[in-house]
Amino acid sequence: MRVIARAYGDRPLVREVTGTADGLVYLVNPSAAETHGITPLSGVGFPSSAVYEHDAGVAESLLSAWESGDVEGLLRLWETAPLKAHGAH
């Protein structure tokens, strides 16, 4: 399942979920998933509170704000991003 992760400095990352455990959602880069396949709990663990439902328009807006350095716009966009249900995948 594709999601948007809120990384360090509010940077948006589009990632694939590999599983959940102990309040973390494990994510990998989609290109790595296509090349190597997805194994359970591979990748990097993000707190579930930093994982959002994937929406191409939201992701594009977040990435654009990040790349342009629009800190205020980025924070506003994160406030409207649909949070992923905890533990769902």
PDB file of N, CA and C in Angstrom:
ATOM      1  N   MET A   1       0.842  -1.165   0.000  1.00  0.00           N
ATOM      2  CA  MET A   1       0.000   0.000   0.000  1.00  0.00           C
ATOM      3  C   MET A   1       0.894   1.237   0.000  1.00  0.00           C
ATOM      4  N   ARG A   2       0.597   2.162  -0.859  1.00  0.00           N
ATOM      5  CA  ARG A   2       1.360   3.404  -0.964  1.00  0.00           C
ATOM      6  C   ARG A   2       0.825   4.416   0.046  1.00  0.00           C
ATOM      7  N   VAL A   3       1.753   5.138   0.690  1.00  0.00           N
ATOM      8  CA  VAL A   3       1.409   6.151   1.687  1.00  0.00           C
ATOM      9  C   VAL A   3       2.337   7.351   1.520  1.00  0.00           C
ATOM     10  N   ILE A   4       2.033   8.403   2.265  1.00  0.00           N
ATOM     11  CA  ILE A   4       2.913   9.568   2.360  1.00  0.00           C
ATOM     12  C   ILE A   4       3.445   9.586   3.791  1.00  0.00           C
ATOM     13  N   ALA A   5       4.764   9.634   3.929  1.00  0.00           N
ATOM     14  CA  ALA A   5       5.379   9.683   5.259  1.00  0.00           C
ATOM     15  C   ALA A   5       5.884  11.095   5.526  1.00  0.00           C
ATOM     16  N   ARG A   6       5.729  11.518   6.770  1.00  0.00           N
ATOM     17  CA  ARG A   6       6.231  12.832   7.191  1.00  0.00           C
ATOM     18  C   ARG A   6       7.581  12.598   7.855  1.00  0.00           C
ATOM     19  N   ALA A   7       8.632  12.899   7.129  1.00  0.00           N
ATOM     20  CA  ALA A   7       9.993  12.629   7.586  1.00  0.00           C
ATOM     21  C   ALA A   7      10.570  13.842   8.329  1.00  0.00           C
ATOM     22  N   TYR A   8      11.821  13.715   8.715  1.00  0.00           N
ATOM     23  CA  TYR A   8      12.535  14.775   9.427  1.00  0.00           C
ATOM     24  C   TYR A   8      12.397  16.102   8.681  1.00  0.00           C
ATOM     25  N   GLY A   9      12.119  17.161   9.410  1.00  0.00           N
ATOM     26  CA  GLY A   9      11.962  18.480   8.814  1.00  0.00           C
ATOM     27  C   GLY A   9      10.686  18.643   8.016  1.00  0.00           C
ATOM     28  N   ASP A  10       9.716  17.748   8.255  1.00  0.00           N
ATOM     29  CA  ASP A  10       8.418  17.761   7.562  1.00  0.00           C
ATOM     30  C   ASP A  10       8.518  17.389   6.086  1.00  0.00           C
ATOM     31  N   ARG A  11       9.624  16.773   5.698  1.00  0.00           N
ATOM     32  CA  ARG A  11       9.796  16.364   4.301  1.00  0.00           C
ATOM     33  C   ARG A  11       8.813  15.250   3.949  1.00  0.00           C
ATOM     34  N   PRO A  12       8.064  15.415   2.865  1.00  0.00           N
ATOM     35  CA  PRO A  12       7.130  14.368   2.436  1.00  0.00           C
ATOM     36  C   PRO A  12       7.855  13.294   1.628  1.00  0.00           C
ATOM     37  N   LEU A  13       7.553  12.035   1.924  1.00  0.00           N
ATOM     38  CA  LEU A  13       8.121  10.906   1.198  1.00  0.00           C
ATOM     39  C   LEU A  13       6.984   9.982   0.771  1.00  0.00           C
ATOM     40  N   VAL A  14       6.945   9.604  -0.478  1.00  0.00           N
ATOM     41  CA  VAL A  14       5.973   8.624  -0.950  1.00  0.00           C
ATOM     42  C   VAL A  14       6.637   7.261  -0.808  1.00  0.00           C
ATOM     43  N   ARG A  15       5.986   6.356  -0.047  1.00  0.00           N
ATOM     44  CA  ARG A  15       6.589   5.070   0.276  1.00  0.00           C
ATOM     45  C   ARG A  15       5.564   3.943   0.221  1.00  0.00           C
ATOM     46  N   GLU A  16       6.067   2.712   0.277  1.00  0.00           N
ATOM     47  CA  GLU A  16       5.234   1.511   0.314  1.00  0.00           C
ATOM     48  C   GLU A  16       5.313   0.907   1.717  1.00  0.00           C
ATOM     49  N   VAL A  17       4.178   0.488   2.257  1.00  0.00           N
ATOM     50  CA  VAL A  17       4.118  -0.138   3.578  1.00  0.00           C
ATOM     51  C   VAL A  17       4.525  -1.605   3.450  1.00  0.00           C
ATOM     52  N   THR A  18       5.416  -2.043   4.366  1.00  0.00           N
ATOM     53  CA  THR A  18       5.796  -3.459   4.403  1.00  0.00           C
ATOM     54  C   THR A  18       5.205  -4.163   5.616  1.00  0.00           C
ATOM     55  N   GLY A  19       4.694  -3.404   6.573  1.00  0.00           N
ATOM     56  CA  GLY A  19       4.064  -3.990   7.750  1.00  0.00           C
ATOM     57  C   GLY A  19       4.052  -3.021   8.916  1.00  0.00           C
ATOM     58  N   THR A  20       3.446  -3.459  10.004  1.00  0.00           N
ATOM     59  CA  THR A  20       3.382  -2.645  11.215  1.00  0.00           C
ATOM     60  C   THR A  20       3.739  -3.503  12.422  1.00  0.00           C
ATOM     61  N   ALA A  21       4.375  -2.880  13.398  1.00  0.00           N
ATOM     62  CA  ALA A  21       4.714  -3.563  14.647  1.00  0.00           C
ATOM     63  C   ALA A  21       5.084  -2.526  15.692  1.00  0.00           C
ATOM     64  N   ASP A  22       4.578  -2.713  16.902  1.00  0.00           N
ATOM     65  CA  ASP A  22       4.938  -1.875  18.043  1.00  0.00           C
ATOM     66  C   ASP A  22       4.770  -0.380  17.782  1.00  0.00           C
ATOM     67  N   GLY A  23       3.675   0.001  17.135  1.00  0.00           N
ATOM     68  CA  GLY A  23       3.391   1.409  16.896  1.00  0.00           C
ATOM     69  C   GLY A  23       4.154   2.018  15.732  1.00  0.00           C
ATOM     70  N   LEU A  24       4.917   1.200  15.008  1.00  0.00           N
ATOM     71  CA  LEU A  24       5.663   1.690  13.851  1.00  0.00           C
ATOM     72  C   LEU A  24       5.070   1.121  12.568  1.00  0.00           C
ATOM     73  N   VAL A  25       5.176   1.920  11.525  1.00  0.00           N
ATOM     74  CA  VAL A  25       4.787   1.478  10.192  1.00  0.00           C
ATOM     75  C   VAL A  25       6.072   1.400   9.388  1.00  0.00           C
ATOM     76  N   TYR A  26       6.377   0.221   8.856  1.00  0.00           N
ATOM     77  CA  TYR A  26       7.620   0.025   8.117  1.00  0.00           C
ATOM     78  C   TYR A  26       7.398   0.348   6.652  1.00  0.00           C
ATOM     79  N   LEU A  27       8.328   1.172   6.111  1.00  0.00           N
ATOM     80  CA  LEU A  27       8.175   1.714   4.768  1.00  0.00           C
ATOM     81  C   LEU A  27       9.440   1.531   3.948  1.00  0.00           C
ATOM     82  N   VAL A  28       9.239   1.335   2.636  1.00  0.00           N
ATOM     83  CA  VAL A  28      10.352   1.291   1.693  1.00  0.00           C
ATOM     84  C   VAL A  28      10.041   2.206   0.514  1.00  0.00           C
ATOM     85  N   ASN A  29      11.092   2.639  -0.159  1.00  0.00           N
ATOM     86  CA  ASN A  29      10.954   3.424  -1.367  1.00  0.00           C
ATOM     87  C   ASN A  29      10.295   2.552  -2.431  1.00  0.00           C
ATOM     88  N   PRO A  30       9.310   3.074  -3.174  1.00  0.00           N
ATOM     89  CA  PRO A  30       8.649   2.256  -4.195  1.00  0.00           C
ATOM     90  C   PRO A  30       9.612   1.660  -5.216  1.00  0.00           C
ATOM     91  N   SER A  31      10.665   2.386  -5.574  1.00  0.00           N
ATOM     92  CA  SER A  31      11.607   1.842  -6.560  1.00  0.00           C
ATOM     93  C   SER A  31      12.348   0.637  -5.998  1.00  0.00           C
ATOM     94  N   ALA A  32      12.657   0.649  -4.718  1.00  0.00           N
ATOM     95  CA  ALA A  32      13.310  -0.504  -4.089  1.00  0.00           C
ATOM     96  C   ALA A  32      12.350  -1.678  -4.012  1.00  0.00           C
ATOM     97  N   ALA A  33      11.094  -1.396  -3.744  1.00  0.00           N
ATOM     98  CA  ALA A  33      10.089  -2.457  -3.646  1.00  0.00           C
ATOM     99  C   ALA A  33       9.925  -3.155  -4.989  1.00  0.00           C
ATOM    100  N   GLU A  34       9.957  -2.377  -6.073  1.00  0.00           N
ATOM    101  CA  GLU A  34       9.810  -2.959  -7.408  1.00  0.00           C
ATOM    102  C   GLU A  34      11.025  -3.801  -7.786  1.00  0.00           C
ATOM    103  N   THR A  35      12.200  -3.369  -7.370  1.00  0.00           N
ATOM    104  CA  THR A  35      13.438  -4.059  -7.724  1.00  0.00           C
ATOM    105  C   THR A  35      13.664  -5.301  -6.881  1.00  0.00           C
ATOM    106  N   HIS A  36      13.452  -5.176  -5.577  1.00  0.00           N
ATOM    107  CA  HIS A  36      13.805  -6.248  -4.646  1.00  0.00           C
ATOM    108  C   HIS A  36      12.609  -6.976  -4.054  1.00  0.00           C
ATOM    109  N   GLY A  37      11.418  -6.494  -4.324  1.00  0.00           N
ATOM    110  CA  GLY A  37      10.249  -7.086  -3.697  1.00  0.00           C
ATOM    111  C   GLY A  37      10.091  -6.570  -2.279  1.00  0.00           C
ATOM    112  N   ILE A  38       8.931  -6.808  -1.731  1.00  0.00           N
ATOM    113  CA  ILE A  38       8.652  -6.334  -0.376  1.00  0.00           C
ATOM    114  C   ILE A  38       8.608  -7.531   0.559  1.00  0.00           C
ATOM    115  N   THR A  39       9.386  -7.455   1.628  1.00  0.00           N
ATOM    116  CA  THR A  39       9.330  -8.488   2.659  1.00  0.00           C
ATOM    117  C   THR A  39       8.738  -7.866   3.915  1.00  0.00           C
ATOM    118  N   PRO A  40       8.076  -8.641   4.746  1.00  0.00           N
ATOM    119  CA  PRO A  40       7.456  -8.083   5.960  1.00  0.00           C
ATOM    120  C   PRO A  40       8.466  -7.346   6.842  1.00  0.00           C
ATOM    121  N   LEU A  41       8.071  -6.155   7.251  1.00  0.00           N
ATOM    122  CA  LEU A  41       8.822  -5.305   8.159  1.00  0.00           C
ATOM    123  C   LEU A  41      10.193  -4.894   7.633  1.00  0.00           C
ATOM    124  N   SER A  42      10.368  -4.904   6.309  1.00  0.00           N
ATOM    125  CA  SER A  42      11.615  -4.378   5.765  1.00  0.00           C
ATOM    126  C   SER A  42      11.485  -2.866   5.640  1.00  0.00           C
ATOM    127  N   GLY A  43      12.598  -2.193   5.544  1.00  0.00           N
ATOM    128  CA  GLY A  43      12.603  -0.746   5.398  1.00  0.00           C
ATOM    129  C   GLY A  43      12.792  -0.024   6.712  1.00  0.00           C
ATOM    130  N   VAL A  44      12.291   1.189   6.751  1.00  0.00           N
ATOM    131  CA  VAL A  44      12.462   2.081   7.904  1.00  0.00           C
ATOM    132  C   VAL A  44      11.146   2.202   8.650  1.00  0.00           C
ATOM    133  N   GLY A  45      11.199   2.136   9.988  1.00  0.00           N
ATOM    134  CA  GLY A  45      10.002   2.273  10.802  1.00  0.00           C
ATOM    135  C   GLY A  45       9.684   3.733  11.087  1.00  0.00           C
ATOM    136  N   PHE A  46       8.466   4.135  10.778  1.00  0.00           N
ATOM    137  CA  PHE A  46       7.972   5.483  11.077  1.00  0.00           C
ATOM    138  C   PHE A  46       6.883   5.368  12.125  1.00  0.00           C
ATOM    139  N   PRO A  47       6.796   6.332  13.048  1.00  0.00           N
ATOM    140  CA  PRO A  47       5.656   6.326  13.974  1.00  0.00           C
ATOM    141  C   PRO A  47       4.362   6.381  13.167  1.00  0.00           C
ATOM    142  N   SER A  48       3.355   5.669  13.598  1.00  0.00           N
ATOM    143  CA  SER A  48       2.099   5.647  12.840  1.00  0.00           C
ATOM    144  C   SER A  48       1.494   7.043  12.700  1.00  0.00           C
ATOM    145  N   SER A  49       1.805   7.932  13.620  1.00  0.00           N
ATOM    146  CA  SER A  49       1.292   9.306  13.552  1.00  0.00           C
ATOM    147  C   SER A  49       1.935  10.124  12.432  1.00  0.00           C
ATOM    148  N   ALA A  50       2.967   9.577  11.785  1.00  0.00           N
ATOM    149  CA  ALA A  50       3.656  10.283  10.705  1.00  0.00           C
ATOM    150  C   ALA A  50       3.380   9.651   9.343  1.00  0.00           C
ATOM    151  N   VAL A  51       2.352   8.794   9.275  1.00  0.00           N
ATOM    152  CA  VAL A  51       2.023   8.108   8.031  1.00  0.00           C
ATOM    153  C   VAL A  51       0.605   8.507   7.600  1.00  0.00           C
ATOM    154  N   TYR A  52       0.498   8.958   6.362  1.00  0.00           N
ATOM    155  CA  TYR A  52      -0.745   9.505   5.830  1.00  0.00           C
ATOM    156  C   TYR A  52      -1.214   8.703   4.616  1.00  0.00           C
ATOM    157  N   GLU A  53      -2.517   8.738   4.384  1.00  0.00           N
ATOM    158  CA  GLU A  53      -3.079   8.091   3.207  1.00  0.00           C
ATOM    159  C   GLU A  53      -2.464   8.710   1.958  1.00  0.00           C
ATOM    160  N   HIS A  54      -2.224   7.871   0.961  1.00  0.00           N
ATOM    161  CA  HIS A  54      -1.661   8.395  -0.279  1.00  0.00           C
ATOM    162  C   HIS A  54      -2.753   9.017  -1.127  1.00  0.00           C
ATOM    163  N   ASP A  55      -2.478  10.195  -1.575  1.00  0.00           N
ATOM    164  CA  ASP A  55      -3.310  10.910  -2.530  1.00  0.00           C
ATOM    165  C   ASP A  55      -2.319  11.639  -3.432  1.00  0.00           C
ATOM    166  N   ALA A  56      -2.367  11.361  -4.727  1.00  0.00           N
ATOM    167  CA  ALA A  56      -1.376  11.923  -5.652  1.00  0.00           C
ATOM    168  C   ALA A  56      -1.361  13.448  -5.618  1.00  0.00           C
ATOM    169  N   GLY A  57      -2.531  14.074  -5.543  1.00  0.00           N
ATOM    170  CA  GLY A  57      -2.598  15.535  -5.509  1.00  0.00           C
ATOM    171  C   GLY A  57      -1.987  16.109  -4.244  1.00  0.00           C
ATOM    172  N   VAL A  58      -2.293  15.489  -3.114  1.00  0.00           N
ATOM    173  CA  VAL A  58      -1.728  15.937  -1.834  1.00  0.00           C
ATOM    174  C   VAL A  58      -0.212  15.753  -1.849  1.00  0.00           C
ATOM    175  N   ALA A  59       0.240  14.587  -2.323  1.00  0.00           N
ATOM    176  CA  ALA A  59       1.680  14.314  -2.373  1.00  0.00           C
ATOM    177  C   ALA A  59       2.391  15.342  -3.245  1.00  0.00           C
ATOM    178  N   GLU A  60       1.819  15.642  -4.398  1.00  0.00           N
ATOM    179  CA  GLU A  60       2.427  16.617  -5.303  1.00  0.00           C
ATOM    180  C   GLU A  60       2.501  18.000  -4.661  1.00  0.00           C
ATOM    181  N   SER A  61       1.432  18.410  -3.987  1.00  0.00           N
ATOM    182  CA  SER A  61       1.420  19.716  -3.311  1.00  0.00           C
ATOM    183  C   SER A  61       2.452  19.774  -2.195  1.00  0.00           C
ATOM    184  N   LEU A  62       2.532  18.697  -1.399  1.00  0.00           N
ATOM    185  CA  LEU A  62       3.517  18.640  -0.320  1.00  0.00           C
ATOM    186  C   LEU A  62       4.941  18.709  -0.873  1.00  0.00           C
ATOM    187  N   LEU A  63       5.216  17.927  -1.908  1.00  0.00           N
ATOM    188  CA  LEU A  63       6.557  17.921  -2.503  1.00  0.00           C
ATOM    189  C   LEU A  63       6.910  19.279  -3.087  1.00  0.00           C
ATOM    190  N   SER A  64       5.948  19.931  -3.726  1.00  0.00           N
ATOM    191  CA  SER A  64       6.184  21.251  -4.303  1.00  0.00           C
ATOM    192  C   SER A  64       6.506  22.276  -3.218  1.00  0.00           C
ATOM    193  N   ALA A  65       5.740  22.257  -2.129  1.00  0.00           N
ATOM    194  CA  ALA A  65       5.994  23.182  -1.016  1.00  0.00           C
ATOM    195  C   ALA A  65       7.360  22.911  -0.389  1.00  0.00           C
ATOM    196  N   TRP A  66       7.711  21.633  -0.223  1.00  0.00           N
ATOM    197  CA  TRP A  66       9.014  21.255   0.345  1.00  0.00           C
ATOM    198  C   TRP A  66      10.148  21.766  -0.543  1.00  0.00           C
ATOM    199  N   GLU A  67      10.052  21.480  -1.842  1.00  0.00           N
ATOM    200  CA  GLU A  67      11.117  21.843  -2.773  1.00  0.00           C
ATOM    201  C   GLU A  67      11.279  23.356  -2.924  1.00  0.00           C
ATOM    202  N   SER A  68      10.188  24.104  -2.775  1.00  0.00           N
ATOM    203  CA  SER A  68      10.260  25.556  -2.908  1.00  0.00           C
ATOM    204  C   SER A  68      10.645  26.244  -1.595  1.00  0.00           C
ATOM    205  N   GLY A  69      10.696  25.484  -0.509  1.00  0.00           N
ATOM    206  CA  GLY A  69      11.056  26.068   0.780  1.00  0.00           C
ATOM    207  C   GLY A  69       9.923  26.825   1.447  1.00  0.00           C
ATOM    208  N   ASP A  70       8.697  26.564   1.045  1.00  0.00           N
ATOM    209  CA  ASP A  70       7.517  27.229   1.607  1.00  0.00           C
ATOM    210  C   ASP A  70       7.122  26.540   2.917  1.00  0.00           C
ATOM    211  N   VAL A  71       7.778  26.918   3.997  1.00  0.00           N
ATOM    212  CA  VAL A  71       7.575  26.266   5.291  1.00  0.00           C
ATOM    213  C   VAL A  71       6.136  26.428   5.781  1.00  0.00           C
ATOM    214  N   GLU A  72       5.594  27.628   5.710  1.00  0.00           N
ATOM    215  CA  GLU A  72       4.223  27.860   6.180  1.00  0.00           C
ATOM    216  C   GLU A  72       3.214  27.080   5.345  1.00  0.00           C
ATOM    217  N   GLY A  73       3.382  27.094   4.030  1.00  0.00           N
ATOM    218  CA  GLY A  73       2.489  26.350   3.155  1.00  0.00           C
ATOM    219  C   GLY A  73       2.585  24.848   3.407  1.00  0.00           C
ATOM    220  N   LEU A  74       3.789  24.370   3.646  1.00  0.00           N
ATOM    221  CA  LEU A  74       4.000  22.955   3.929  1.00  0.00           C
ATOM    222  C   LEU A  74       3.275  22.546   5.204  1.00  0.00           C
ATOM    223  N   LEU A  75       3.391  23.351   6.248  1.00  0.00           N
ATOM    224  CA  LEU A  75       2.710  23.039   7.509  1.00  0.00           C
ATOM    225  C   LEU A  75       1.196  23.054   7.336  1.00  0.00           C
ATOM    226  N   ARG A  76       0.665  24.000   6.559  1.00  0.00           N
ATOM    227  CA  ARG A  76      -0.777  24.039   6.296  1.00  0.00           C
ATOM    228  C   ARG A  76      -1.220  22.775   5.550  1.00  0.00           C
ATOM    229  N   LEU A  77      -0.428  22.358   4.575  1.00  0.00           N
ATOM    230  CA  LEU A  77      -0.770  21.160   3.814  1.00  0.00           C
ATOM    231  C   LEU A  77      -0.749  19.916   4.701  1.00  0.00           C
ATOM    232  N   TRP A  78       0.245  19.799   5.586  1.00  0.00           N
ATOM    233  CA  TRP A  78       0.290  18.647   6.492  1.00  0.00           C
ATOM    234  C   TRP A  78      -0.944  18.598   7.377  1.00  0.00           C
ATOM    235  N   GLU A  79      -1.457  19.764   7.783  1.00  0.00           N
ATOM    236  CA  GLU A  79      -2.649  19.805   8.627  1.00  0.00           C
ATOM    237  C   GLU A  79      -3.879  19.259   7.917  1.00  0.00           C
ATOM    238  N   THR A  80      -3.902  19.320   6.593  1.00  0.00           N
ATOM    239  CA  THR A  80      -5.065  18.849   5.839  1.00  0.00           C
ATOM    240  C   THR A  80      -4.866  17.440   5.278  1.00  0.00           C
ATOM    241  N   ALA A  81      -3.657  16.892   5.384  1.00  0.00           N
ATOM    242  CA  ALA A  81      -3.390  15.552   4.847  1.00  0.00           C
ATOM    243  C   ALA A  81      -4.166  14.507   5.648  1.00  0.00           C
ATOM    244  N   PRO A  82      -4.756  13.526   4.966  1.00  0.00           N
ATOM    245  CA  PRO A  82      -5.536  12.485   5.660  1.00  0.00           C
ATOM    246  C   PRO A  82      -4.623  11.483   6.365  1.00  0.00           C
ATOM    247  N   LEU A  83      -4.683  11.476   7.685  1.00  0.00           N
ATOM    248  CA  LEU A  83      -3.864  10.580   8.490  1.00  0.00           C
ATOM    249  C   LEU A  83      -4.299   9.143   8.263  1.00  0.00           C
ATOM    250  N   LYS A  84      -3.347   8.246   8.127  1.00  0.00           N
ATOM    251  CA  LYS A  84      -3.621   6.822   7.939  1.00  0.00           C
ATOM    252  C   LYS A  84      -4.091   6.248   9.271  1.00  0.00           C
ATOM    253  N   ALA A  85      -5.063   5.373   9.228  1.00  0.00           N
ATOM    254  CA  ALA A  85      -5.542   4.717  10.455  1.00  0.00           C
ATOM    255  C   ALA A  85      -4.400   3.953  11.097  1.00  0.00           C
ATOM    256  N   HIS A  86      -4.211   4.141  12.388  1.00  0.00           N
ATOM    257  CA  HIS A  86      -3.127   3.457  13.125  1.00  0.00           C
ATOM    258  C   HIS A  86      -3.228   1.957  12.968  1.00  0.00           C
ATOM    259  N   GLY A  87      -2.112   1.366  12.577  1.00  0.00           N
ATOM    260  CA  GLY A  87      -2.046  -0.090  12.477  1.00  0.00           C
ATOM    261  C   GLY A  87      -2.658  -0.664  11.216  1.00  0.00           C
ATOM    262  N   ALA A  88      -3.237   0.192  10.376  1.00  0.00           N
ATOM    263  CA  ALA A  88      -3.854  -0.327   9.141  1.00  0.00           C
ATOM    264  C   ALA A  88      -2.812  -0.446   8.047  1.00  0.00           C
ATOM    265  N   HIS A  89      -2.993  -1.427   7.197  1.00  0.00           N
ATOM    266  CA  HIS A  89      -2.139  -1.549   6.011  1.00  0.00           C
ATOM    267  C   HIS A  89      -2.829  -2.318   4.947  1.00  0.00           C
TER     268      HIS A  89
END
